[in-house]
Amino acid sequence: MLKKLLKEKKSLTFIEAHNPLSALIIKNTNYTDDNGCTHKFDGIWSSSLTDSAIKGIPDNETLDINSRLQNIHEIKLLTKMPVIMDADTGGRVEHFVHYVRKMEQIGIDAVIIEDKTGNKRNSLFGTHVKQELADIKEFSNKIAEGKAAQQKNRLMIFARLESLIAGYGMEDALERANAYVKAGANGIMIHSCQNTSDEVIDFSQSFRRKYPKLPLICVPTTYSATYHHDLSEAGFNIIIYANHMLRAAYKAMEHVSHEILKYGRSAEVEKDCISIKKVITLIPYAS
């Protein structure tokens, strides 16, 4: 499904879902602009950060992969939407090979693995914490082994570059991108924690000179003022809003719980809640 969409559209919009309910909201959300054009999300991002958070577990690859795969399986059953899985580093090579086969079995469309090593630290910490990058040859081998393990050709493996996050610079990022593509990566995600999109757009311009058609992915969490259209025009095929559904849900729940304590009743927050009737009818009964 994802491969087909990439051929049909210049750029795709993915957003994070951390459970089937948030995925259902995404599926049902649409916006019609002044020209009468209806916009919908193209797919779902399964984030290791938000999946860990809802389980009360740090984002350090502690969360069991089977728990995450089960969550994605439930999301796929409910929505039938394309899913890209954030698989952190992918673990050891032999583990990643096993994960690839499991991902294929439940119909995951793509997996992204990042080229970091050692104890995981979330990329949004940037250079404020030590971020160690994997050896290029070793990470390339992980990609190659993952591709070789596939029993079908549906699952796409994307390589996530952490060079800019870790302070290694643009030249290192481009060198790694080239190596990972040669190893069989189906696309590249370039990550940045800058508050503007300048460096990811600079990367795209250099990358596109050598790879004009290979899928290129970005995650505008820190450079949120950049419009989707501008990233699309800069050469990005998939734009991921990676954690916003959980962040929005947390803020809403925090507000409602606070107001109930404050007023000693729930009347003041009814305006912030969906109706009981809607809760009951969210998931239709099988006929």
C-alpha atoms as a PDB file:
ATOM      1  CA  MET A   1       0.000   0.000   0.000  1.00  0.00           C
ATOM      2  CA  LEU A   2       2.796   2.450   0.903  1.00  0.00           C
ATOM      3  CA  LYS A   3       4.746   1.719  -2.274  1.00  0.00           C
ATOM      4  CA  LYS A   4       1.614   2.417  -4.314  1.00  0.00           C
ATOM      5  CA  LEU A   5       0.985   5.719  -2.519  1.00  0.00           C
ATOM      6  CA  LEU A   6       4.569   6.845  -3.077  1.00  0.00           C
ATOM      7  CA  LYS A   7       4.077   6.342  -6.806  1.00  0.00           C
ATOM      8  CA  GLU A   8       0.746   8.182  -6.834  1.00  0.00           C
ATOM      9  CA  LYS A   9       1.531  11.240  -4.689  1.00  0.00           C
ATOM     10  CA  LYS A  10       4.416  13.687  -4.515  1.00  0.00           C
ATOM     11  CA  SER A  11       4.435  13.651  -0.718  1.00  0.00           C
ATOM     12  CA  LEU A  12       2.635  11.778   2.045  1.00  0.00           C
ATOM     13  CA  THR A  13       1.560  12.914   5.508  1.00  0.00           C
ATOM     14  CA  PHE A  14       1.942  10.463   8.390  1.00  0.00           C
ATOM     15  CA  ILE A  15       1.059  11.089  12.031  1.00  0.00           C
ATOM     16  CA  GLU A  16       1.708   9.178  15.240  1.00  0.00           C
ATOM     17  CA  ALA A  17      -0.840   6.810  16.751  1.00  0.00           C
ATOM     18  CA  HIS A  18      -0.118   5.094  20.061  1.00  0.00           C
ATOM     19  CA  ASN A  19      -3.194   2.845  20.235  1.00  0.00           C
ATOM     20  CA  PRO A  20      -6.137   1.776  18.057  1.00  0.00           C
ATOM     21  CA  LEU A  21      -8.368   4.624  19.271  1.00  0.00           C
ATOM     22  CA  SER A  22      -5.876   7.330  18.294  1.00  0.00           C
ATOM     23  CA  ALA A  23      -5.454   5.542  14.960  1.00  0.00           C
ATOM     24  CA  LEU A  24      -9.222   5.576  14.417  1.00  0.00           C
ATOM     25  CA  ILE A  25      -9.299   9.336  15.055  1.00  0.00           C
ATOM     26  CA  ILE A  26      -6.586   9.750  12.427  1.00  0.00           C
ATOM     27  CA  LYS A  27      -8.479   7.623   9.924  1.00  0.00           C
ATOM     28  CA  ASN A  28     -11.672   9.657  10.386  1.00  0.00           C
ATOM     29  CA  THR A  29     -10.043  13.105  10.358  1.00  0.00           C
ATOM     30  CA  ASN A  30     -10.317  15.220   7.222  1.00  0.00           C
ATOM     31  CA  TYR A  31     -10.221  18.868   6.205  1.00  0.00           C
ATOM     32  CA  THR A  32     -11.771  20.526   3.150  1.00  0.00           C
ATOM     33  CA  ASP A  33      -9.982  23.657   1.960  1.00  0.00           C
ATOM     34  CA  ASP A  34     -11.432  26.726   0.240  1.00  0.00           C
ATOM     35  CA  ASN A  35     -10.975  25.082  -3.156  1.00  0.00           C
ATOM     36  CA  GLY A  36     -13.101  22.124  -2.144  1.00  0.00           C
ATOM     37  CA  CYS A  37     -10.135  19.756  -1.911  1.00  0.00           C
ATOM     38  CA  THR A  38     -10.357  17.251   0.952  1.00  0.00           C
ATOM     39  CA  HIS A  39      -7.170  16.415   2.858  1.00  0.00           C
ATOM     40  CA  LYS A  40      -6.622  13.259   4.919  1.00  0.00           C
ATOM     41  CA  PHE A  41      -3.652  11.602   6.564  1.00  0.00           C
ATOM     42  CA  ASP A  42      -1.950   9.032   4.364  1.00  0.00           C
ATOM     43  CA  GLY A  43      -0.738   6.750   7.117  1.00  0.00           C
ATOM     44  CA  ILE A  44       0.280   6.101  10.693  1.00  0.00           C
ATOM     45  CA  TRP A  45       3.628   6.387  12.453  1.00  0.00           C
ATOM     46  CA  SER A  46       4.223   3.902  15.265  1.00  0.00           C
ATOM     47  CA  SER A  47       6.607   5.745  17.582  1.00  0.00           C
ATOM     48  CA  SER A  48       8.885   4.045  20.085  1.00  0.00           C
ATOM     49  CA  LEU A  49       8.706   7.218  22.207  1.00  0.00           C
ATOM     50  CA  THR A  50       4.923   7.340  22.511  1.00  0.00           C
ATOM     51  CA  ASP A  51       4.486   3.563  22.677  1.00  0.00           C
ATOM     52  CA  SER A  52       6.922   3.548  25.606  1.00  0.00           C
ATOM     53  CA  ALA A  53       5.244   6.527  27.281  1.00  0.00           C
ATOM     54  CA  ILE A  54       1.775   4.949  27.335  1.00  0.00           C
ATOM     55  CA  LYS A  55       3.293   1.895  29.029  1.00  0.00           C
ATOM     56  CA  GLY A  56       5.101   4.055  31.597  1.00  0.00           C
ATOM     57  CA  ILE A  57       8.491   2.907  30.297  1.00  0.00           C
ATOM     58  CA  PRO A  58      11.516   5.078  29.358  1.00  0.00           C
ATOM     59  CA  ASP A  59      12.266   5.499  25.660  1.00  0.00           C
ATOM     60  CA  ASN A  60      15.419   3.384  25.727  1.00  0.00           C
ATOM     61  CA  GLU A  61      14.443   0.220  23.827  1.00  0.00           C
ATOM     62  CA  THR A  62      13.174  -1.419  27.030  1.00  0.00           C
ATOM     63  CA  LEU A  63       9.656  -1.931  25.672  1.00  0.00           C
ATOM     64  CA  ASP A  64       9.216  -5.475  24.378  1.00  0.00           C
ATOM     65  CA  ILE A  65       9.045  -5.636  20.578  1.00  0.00           C
ATOM     66  CA  ASN A  66       6.146  -8.110  20.734  1.00  0.00           C
ATOM     67  CA  SER A  67       4.078  -5.596  22.687  1.00  0.00           C
ATOM     68  CA  ARG A  68       4.677  -3.008  19.988  1.00  0.00           C
ATOM     69  CA  LEU A  69       3.913  -5.420  17.168  1.00  0.00           C
ATOM     70  CA  GLN A  70       0.647  -6.433  18.838  1.00  0.00           C
ATOM     71  CA  ASN A  71      -0.341  -2.766  19.121  1.00  0.00           C
ATOM     72  CA  ILE A  72       0.399  -2.214  15.427  1.00  0.00           C
ATOM     73  CA  HIS A  73      -1.506  -5.373  14.500  1.00  0.00           C
ATOM     74  CA  GLU A  74      -4.592  -4.018  16.297  1.00  0.00           C
ATOM     75  CA  ILE A  75      -4.187  -0.640  14.570  1.00  0.00           C
ATOM     76  CA  LYS A  76      -3.916  -2.307  11.163  1.00  0.00           C
ATOM     77  CA  LEU A  77      -7.010  -4.439  11.776  1.00  0.00           C
ATOM     78  CA  LEU A  78      -9.074  -1.391  12.746  1.00  0.00           C
ATOM     79  CA  THR A  79      -7.908   1.170  10.192  1.00  0.00           C
ATOM     80  CA  LYS A  80      -6.387  -0.698   7.209  1.00  0.00           C
ATOM     81  CA  MET A  81      -4.014   2.291   6.885  1.00  0.00           C
ATOM     82  CA  PRO A  82      -0.302   2.110   5.979  1.00  0.00           C
ATOM     83  CA  VAL A  83       1.949   1.941   9.048  1.00  0.00           C
ATOM     84  CA  ILE A  84       5.602   2.920   9.351  1.00  0.00           C
ATOM     85  CA  MET A  85       7.247   1.487  12.461  1.00  0.00           C
ATOM     86  CA  ASP A  86       9.972   3.265  14.395  1.00  0.00           C
ATOM     87  CA  ALA A  87      12.200   0.353  15.419  1.00  0.00           C
ATOM     88  CA  ASP A  88      14.945   2.399  17.124  1.00  0.00           C
ATOM     89  CA  THR A  89      18.302   0.780  16.243  1.00  0.00           C
ATOM     90  CA  GLY A  90      16.698  -2.495  15.203  1.00  0.00           C
ATOM     91  CA  GLY A  91      18.722  -4.289  17.871  1.00  0.00           C
ATOM     92  CA  ARG A  92      21.406  -6.807  17.024  1.00  0.00           C
ATOM     93  CA  VAL A  93      21.541  -8.036  13.432  1.00  0.00           C
ATOM     94  CA  GLU A  94      20.121 -11.466  14.265  1.00  0.00           C
ATOM     95  CA  HIS A  95      17.289  -9.816  16.209  1.00  0.00           C
ATOM     96  CA  PHE A  96      16.481  -7.431  13.370  1.00  0.00           C
ATOM     97  CA  VAL A  97      16.265 -10.324  10.910  1.00  0.00           C
ATOM     98  CA  HIS A  98      13.689 -11.956  13.206  1.00  0.00           C
ATOM     99  CA  TYR A  99      11.761  -8.683  13.603  1.00  0.00           C
ATOM    100  CA  VAL A 100      11.596  -8.186   9.827  1.00  0.00           C
ATOM    101  CA  ARG A 101       9.854 -11.527   9.398  1.00  0.00           C
ATOM    102  CA  LYS A 102       7.366 -10.698  12.144  1.00  0.00           C
ATOM    103  CA  MET A 103       6.686  -7.281  10.620  1.00  0.00           C
ATOM    104  CA  GLU A 104       5.956  -8.931   7.298  1.00  0.00           C
ATOM    105  CA  GLN A 105       3.507 -11.323   8.932  1.00  0.00           C
ATOM    106  CA  ILE A 106       1.318  -8.545  10.348  1.00  0.00           C
ATOM    107  CA  GLY A 107       1.523  -6.355   7.257  1.00  0.00           C
ATOM    108  CA  ILE A 108       3.678  -3.442   8.414  1.00  0.00           C
ATOM    109  CA  ASP A 109       4.451  -1.294   5.376  1.00  0.00           C
ATOM    110  CA  ALA A 110       7.845   0.102   6.414  1.00  0.00           C
ATOM    111  CA  VAL A 111      10.313   0.071   9.274  1.00  0.00           C
ATOM    112  CA  ILE A 112      12.818   2.773  10.129  1.00  0.00           C
ATOM    113  CA  ILE A 113      16.032   1.963  11.966  1.00  0.00           C
ATOM    114  CA  GLU A 114      18.503   4.568  13.214  1.00  0.00           C
ATOM    115  CA  ASP A 115      22.280   4.444  12.993  1.00  0.00           C
ATOM    116  CA  LYS A 116      23.043   4.944  16.673  1.00  0.00           C
ATOM    117  CA  THR A 117      24.744   2.565  19.054  1.00  0.00           C
ATOM    118  CA  GLY A 118      25.259   2.172  22.781  1.00  0.00           C
ATOM    119  CA  ASN A 119      22.689   3.180  25.388  1.00  0.00           C
ATOM    120  CA  LYS A 120      19.782   4.841  23.605  1.00  0.00           C
ATOM    121  CA  ARG A 121      19.153   8.540  24.191  1.00  0.00           C
ATOM    122  CA  ASN A 122      16.216  10.210  22.463  1.00  0.00           C
ATOM    123  CA  SER A 123      17.407  12.178  19.441  1.00  0.00           C
ATOM    124  CA  LEU A 124      15.612  15.337  20.549  1.00  0.00           C
ATOM    125  CA  PHE A 125      18.206  15.703  23.320  1.00  0.00           C
ATOM    126  CA  GLY A 126      20.628  16.524  20.486  1.00  0.00           C
ATOM    127  CA  THR A 127      24.222  17.096  21.551  1.00  0.00           C
ATOM    128  CA  HIS A 128      23.160  17.831  25.150  1.00  0.00           C
ATOM    129  CA  VAL A 129      23.697  14.116  25.774  1.00  0.00           C
ATOM    130  CA  LYS A 130      26.288  11.862  24.159  1.00  0.00           C
ATOM    131  CA  GLN A 131      24.951  10.356  20.935  1.00  0.00           C
ATOM    132  CA  GLU A 132      27.136   7.571  19.537  1.00  0.00           C
ATOM    133  CA  LEU A 133      26.803   6.576  15.891  1.00  0.00           C
ATOM    134  CA  ALA A 134      27.114   3.026  14.628  1.00  0.00           C
ATOM    135  CA  ASP A 135      29.967   1.948  12.405  1.00  0.00           C
ATOM    136  CA  ILE A 136      28.890   2.519   8.794  1.00  0.00           C
ATOM    137  CA  LYS A 137      29.831  -0.981   7.631  1.00  0.00           C
ATOM    138  CA  GLU A 138      28.098  -2.653  10.572  1.00  0.00           C
ATOM    139  CA  PHE A 139      24.887  -0.677  10.089  1.00  0.00           C
ATOM    140  CA  SER A 140      24.981  -1.286   6.340  1.00  0.00           C
ATOM    141  CA  ASN A 141      25.254  -5.002   7.070  1.00  0.00           C
ATOM    142  CA  LYS A 142      22.188  -4.808   9.322  1.00  0.00           C
ATOM    143  CA  ILE A 143      20.208  -3.260   6.467  1.00  0.00           C
ATOM    144  CA  ALA A 144      21.467  -5.867   3.996  1.00  0.00           C
ATOM    145  CA  GLU A 145      20.635  -8.745   6.333  1.00  0.00           C
ATOM    146  CA  GLY A 146      17.173  -7.307   6.949  1.00  0.00           C
ATOM    147  CA  LYS A 147      16.501  -7.092   3.223  1.00  0.00           C
ATOM    148  CA  ALA A 148      17.813 -10.615   2.659  1.00  0.00           C
ATOM    149  CA  ALA A 149      15.517 -11.951   5.393  1.00  0.00           C
ATOM    150  CA  GLN A 150      12.361 -10.733   3.666  1.00  0.00           C
ATOM    151  CA  GLN A 151      10.122 -13.470   2.332  1.00  0.00           C
ATOM    152  CA  LYS A 152       8.092 -10.938   0.348  1.00  0.00           C
ATOM    153  CA  ASN A 153       9.089  -7.624  -1.198  1.00  0.00           C
ATOM    154  CA  ARG A 154       6.417  -5.536   0.479  1.00  0.00           C
ATOM    155  CA  LEU A 155       8.171  -4.281   3.629  1.00  0.00           C
ATOM    156  CA  MET A 156      10.321  -1.205   3.034  1.00  0.00           C
ATOM    157  CA  ILE A 157      13.401  -0.641   5.204  1.00  0.00           C
ATOM    158  CA  PHE A 158      14.320   3.006   5.707  1.00  0.00           C
ATOM    159  CA  ALA A 159      17.608   4.127   7.265  1.00  0.00           C
ATOM    160  CA  ARG A 160      17.454   7.012   9.710  1.00  0.00           C
ATOM    161  CA  LEU A 161      20.508   9.262   9.770  1.00  0.00           C
ATOM    162  CA  GLU A 162      21.565  10.714  13.122  1.00  0.00           C
ATOM    163  CA  SER A 163      24.666  12.562  11.885  1.00  0.00           C
ATOM    164  CA  LEU A 164      23.151  16.039  12.255  1.00  0.00           C
ATOM    165  CA  ILE A 165      21.697  15.188  15.671  1.00  0.00           C
ATOM    166  CA  ALA A 166      25.036  13.914  16.972  1.00  0.00           C
ATOM    167  CA  GLY A 167      27.035  16.832  15.578  1.00  0.00           C
ATOM    168  CA  TYR A 168      28.884  14.810  12.918  1.00  0.00           C
ATOM    169  CA  GLY A 169      27.865  17.187  10.155  1.00  0.00           C
ATOM    170  CA  MET A 170      26.492  17.150   6.633  1.00  0.00           C
ATOM    171  CA  GLU A 171      29.376  15.328   4.949  1.00  0.00           C
ATOM    172  CA  ASP A 172      29.043  12.408   7.353  1.00  0.00           C
ATOM    173  CA  ALA A 173      25.269  12.295   6.774  1.00  0.00           C
ATOM    174  CA  LEU A 174      25.700  12.126   3.004  1.00  0.00           C
ATOM    175  CA  GLU A 175      28.408   9.468   3.277  1.00  0.00           C
ATOM    176  CA  ARG A 176      26.156   7.337   5.443  1.00  0.00           C
ATOM    177  CA  ALA A 177      23.151   7.845   3.172  1.00  0.00           C
ATOM    178  CA  ASN A 178      25.146   6.635   0.191  1.00  0.00           C
ATOM    179  CA  ALA A 179      26.403   3.561   2.047  1.00  0.00           C
ATOM    180  CA  TYR A 180      22.959   2.624   3.334  1.00  0.00           C
ATOM    181  CA  VAL A 181      21.335   2.972  -0.082  1.00  0.00           C
ATOM    182  CA  LYS A 182      24.032   0.717  -1.538  1.00  0.00           C
ATOM    183  CA  ALA A 183      23.252  -1.794   1.235  1.00  0.00           C
ATOM    184  CA  GLY A 184      19.632  -1.938   0.096  1.00  0.00           C
ATOM    185  CA  ALA A 185      17.784   0.733   2.093  1.00  0.00           C
ATOM    186  CA  ASN A 186      14.500   1.619   0.388  1.00  0.00           C
ATOM    187  CA  GLY A 187      14.709   5.214   1.573  1.00  0.00           C
ATOM    188  CA  ILE A 188      16.398   7.655   3.932  1.00  0.00           C
ATOM    189  CA  MET A 189      15.140   9.621   6.919  1.00  0.00           C
ATOM    190  CA  ILE A 190      17.240  12.660   7.805  1.00  0.00           C
ATOM    191  CA  HIS A 191      16.780  13.763  11.408  1.00  0.00           C
ATOM    192  CA  SER A 192      17.494  17.168  12.922  1.00  0.00           C
ATOM    193  CA  CYS A 193      16.796  18.905  16.231  1.00  0.00           C
ATOM    194  CA  GLN A 194      17.333  22.434  14.861  1.00  0.00           C
ATOM    195  CA  ASN A 195      14.443  24.899  15.143  1.00  0.00           C
ATOM    196  CA  THR A 196      14.511  25.628  11.408  1.00  0.00           C
ATOM    197  CA  SER A 197      14.394  23.264   8.437  1.00  0.00           C
ATOM    198  CA  ASP A 198      17.513  24.754   6.834  1.00  0.00           C
ATOM    199  CA  GLU A 199      19.855  21.815   7.392  1.00  0.00           C
ATOM    200  CA  VAL A 200      17.399  19.101   6.352  1.00  0.00           C
ATOM    201  CA  ILE A 201      16.610  21.060   3.184  1.00  0.00           C
ATOM    202  CA  ASP A 202      20.355  21.454   2.547  1.00  0.00           C
ATOM    203  CA  PHE A 203      20.687  17.694   2.939  1.00  0.00           C
ATOM    204  CA  SER A 204      17.797  17.086   0.554  1.00  0.00           C
ATOM    205  CA  GLN A 205      19.341  19.278  -2.132  1.00  0.00           C
ATOM    206  CA  SER A 206      22.626  17.343  -1.990  1.00  0.00           C
ATOM    207  CA  PHE A 207      20.937  13.951  -1.695  1.00  0.00           C
ATOM    208  CA  ARG A 208      18.589  14.585  -4.616  1.00  0.00           C
ATOM    209  CA  ARG A 209      21.476  15.251  -6.987  1.00  0.00           C
ATOM    210  CA  LYS A 210      22.464  11.590  -6.684  1.00  0.00           C
ATOM    211  CA  TYR A 211      19.127  10.006  -5.798  1.00  0.00           C
ATOM    212  CA  PRO A 212      16.337  11.961  -7.515  1.00  0.00           C
ATOM    213  CA  LYS A 213      13.602   9.380  -6.885  1.00  0.00           C
ATOM    214  CA  LEU A 214      14.510   7.479  -3.709  1.00  0.00           C
ATOM    215  CA  PRO A 215      12.032   8.124  -0.851  1.00  0.00           C
ATOM    216  CA  LEU A 216      13.257  10.831   1.523  1.00  0.00           C
ATOM    217  CA  ILE A 217      11.647  11.320   4.924  1.00  0.00           C
ATOM    218  CA  CYS A 218      11.703  14.085   7.536  1.00  0.00           C
ATOM    219  CA  VAL A 219      10.196  14.639  10.986  1.00  0.00           C
ATOM    220  CA  PRO A 220       9.476  18.357  11.607  1.00  0.00           C
ATOM    221  CA  THR A 221       9.089  18.129  15.390  1.00  0.00           C
ATOM    222  CA  THR A 222      11.541  20.909  16.259  1.00  0.00           C
ATOM    223  CA  TYR A 223      11.135  22.900  13.045  1.00  0.00           C
ATOM    224  CA  SER A 224       7.350  22.894  13.337  1.00  0.00           C
ATOM    225  CA  ALA A 225       6.926  26.322  11.686  1.00  0.00           C
ATOM    226  CA  THR A 226       7.885  24.827   8.311  1.00  0.00           C
ATOM    227  CA  TYR A 227       4.865  24.049   6.152  1.00  0.00           C
ATOM    228  CA  HIS A 228       4.251  20.615   4.676  1.00  0.00           C
ATOM    229  CA  HIS A 229       4.143  22.198   1.211  1.00  0.00           C
ATOM    230  CA  ASP A 230       7.637  23.662   1.618  1.00  0.00           C
ATOM    231  CA  LEU A 231       9.089  20.327   2.733  1.00  0.00           C
ATOM    232  CA  SER A 232       7.387  18.614  -0.188  1.00  0.00           C
ATOM    233  CA  GLU A 233       8.818  21.155  -2.614  1.00  0.00           C
ATOM    234  CA  ALA A 234      12.250  20.622  -1.039  1.00  0.00           C
ATOM    235  CA  GLY A 235      12.134  16.965  -2.066  1.00  0.00           C
ATOM    236  CA  PHE A 236      10.653  15.121   0.907  1.00  0.00           C
ATOM    237  CA  ASN A 237       8.280  12.275   0.064  1.00  0.00           C
ATOM    238  CA  ILE A 238       7.097  11.396   3.569  1.00  0.00           C
ATOM    239  CA  ILE A 239       6.571  13.965   6.319  1.00  0.00           C
ATOM    240  CA  ILE A 240       5.944  12.526   9.773  1.00  0.00           C
ATOM    241  CA  TYR A 241       4.278  14.292  12.713  1.00  0.00           C
ATOM    242  CA  ALA A 242       5.845  11.941  15.191  1.00  0.00           C
ATOM    243  CA  ASN A 243       4.375  12.505  18.663  1.00  0.00           C
ATOM    244  CA  HIS A 244       1.550  15.029  18.492  1.00  0.00           C
ATOM    245  CA  MET A 245      -1.413  12.757  19.238  1.00  0.00           C
ATOM    246  CA  LEU A 246       0.003  11.662  22.592  1.00  0.00           C
ATOM    247  CA  ARG A 247       1.143  15.181  23.472  1.00  0.00           C
ATOM    248  CA  ALA A 248      -2.342  16.519  22.724  1.00  0.00           C
ATOM    249  CA  ALA A 249      -4.055  13.723  24.664  1.00  0.00           C
ATOM    250  CA  TYR A 250      -1.834  14.254  27.711  1.00  0.00           C
ATOM    251  CA  LYS A 251      -2.592  17.964  27.833  1.00  0.00           C
ATOM    252  CA  ALA A 252      -6.342  17.391  27.494  1.00  0.00           C
ATOM    253  CA  MET A 253      -6.431  14.711  30.206  1.00  0.00           C
ATOM    254  CA  GLU A 254      -4.289  16.802  32.541  1.00  0.00           C
ATOM    255  CA  HIS A 255      -6.691  19.742  32.144  1.00  0.00           C
ATOM    256  CA  VAL A 256      -9.839  17.679  32.716  1.00  0.00           C
ATOM    257  CA  SER A 257      -8.484  15.882  35.783  1.00  0.00           C
ATOM    258  CA  HIS A 258      -7.327  19.188  37.283  1.00  0.00           C
ATOM    259  CA  GLU A 259     -10.690  20.884  36.726  1.00  0.00           C
ATOM    260  CA  ILE A 260     -12.656  18.027  38.314  1.00  0.00           C
ATOM    261  CA  LEU A 261     -10.490  18.299  41.431  1.00  0.00           C
ATOM    262  CA  LYS A 262     -10.763  22.085  41.418  1.00  0.00           C
ATOM    263  CA  TYR A 263     -14.567  22.277  41.154  1.00  0.00           C
ATOM    264  CA  GLY A 264     -15.489  19.046  42.899  1.00  0.00           C
ATOM    265  CA  ARG A 265     -17.704  18.062  39.968  1.00  0.00           C
ATOM    266  CA  SER A 266     -17.446  17.409  36.234  1.00  0.00           C
ATOM    267  CA  ALA A 267     -19.931  19.970  34.828  1.00  0.00           C
ATOM    268  CA  GLU A 268     -17.160  22.442  33.968  1.00  0.00           C
ATOM    269  CA  VAL A 269     -15.338  19.943  31.739  1.00  0.00           C
ATOM    270  CA  GLU A 270     -18.286  18.502  29.826  1.00  0.00           C
ATOM    271  CA  LYS A 271     -17.545  20.979  27.029  1.00  0.00           C
ATOM    272  CA  ASP A 272     -14.061  19.476  26.722  1.00  0.00           C
ATOM    273  CA  CYS A 273     -15.306  15.889  26.447  1.00  0.00           C
ATOM    274  CA  ILE A 274     -17.099  13.897  23.778  1.00  0.00           C
ATOM    275  CA  SER A 275     -20.543  12.602  24.717  1.00  0.00           C
ATOM    276  CA  ILE A 276     -21.122   9.195  26.258  1.00  0.00           C
ATOM    277  CA  LYS A 277     -23.217   8.368  23.196  1.00  0.00           C
ATOM    278  CA  LYS A 278     -20.241   9.020  20.941  1.00  0.00           C
ATOM    279  CA  VAL A 279     -18.012   6.834  23.114  1.00  0.00           C
ATOM    280  CA  ILE A 280     -20.520   3.993  22.785  1.00  0.00           C
ATOM    281  CA  THR A 281     -20.802   4.380  19.016  1.00  0.00           C
ATOM    282  CA  LEU A 282     -17.101   4.973  18.235  1.00  0.00           C
ATOM    283  CA  ILE A 283     -16.577   1.325  17.401  1.00  0.00           C
ATOM    284  CA  PRO A 284     -19.565  -0.115  15.522  1.00  0.00           C
ATOM    285  CA  TYR A 285     -20.885  -3.503  16.567  1.00  0.00           C
ATOM    286  CA  ALA A 286     -20.461  -6.291  14.054  1.00  0.00           C
ATOM    287  CA  SER A 287     -23.690  -6.790  12.119  1.00  0.00           C
END
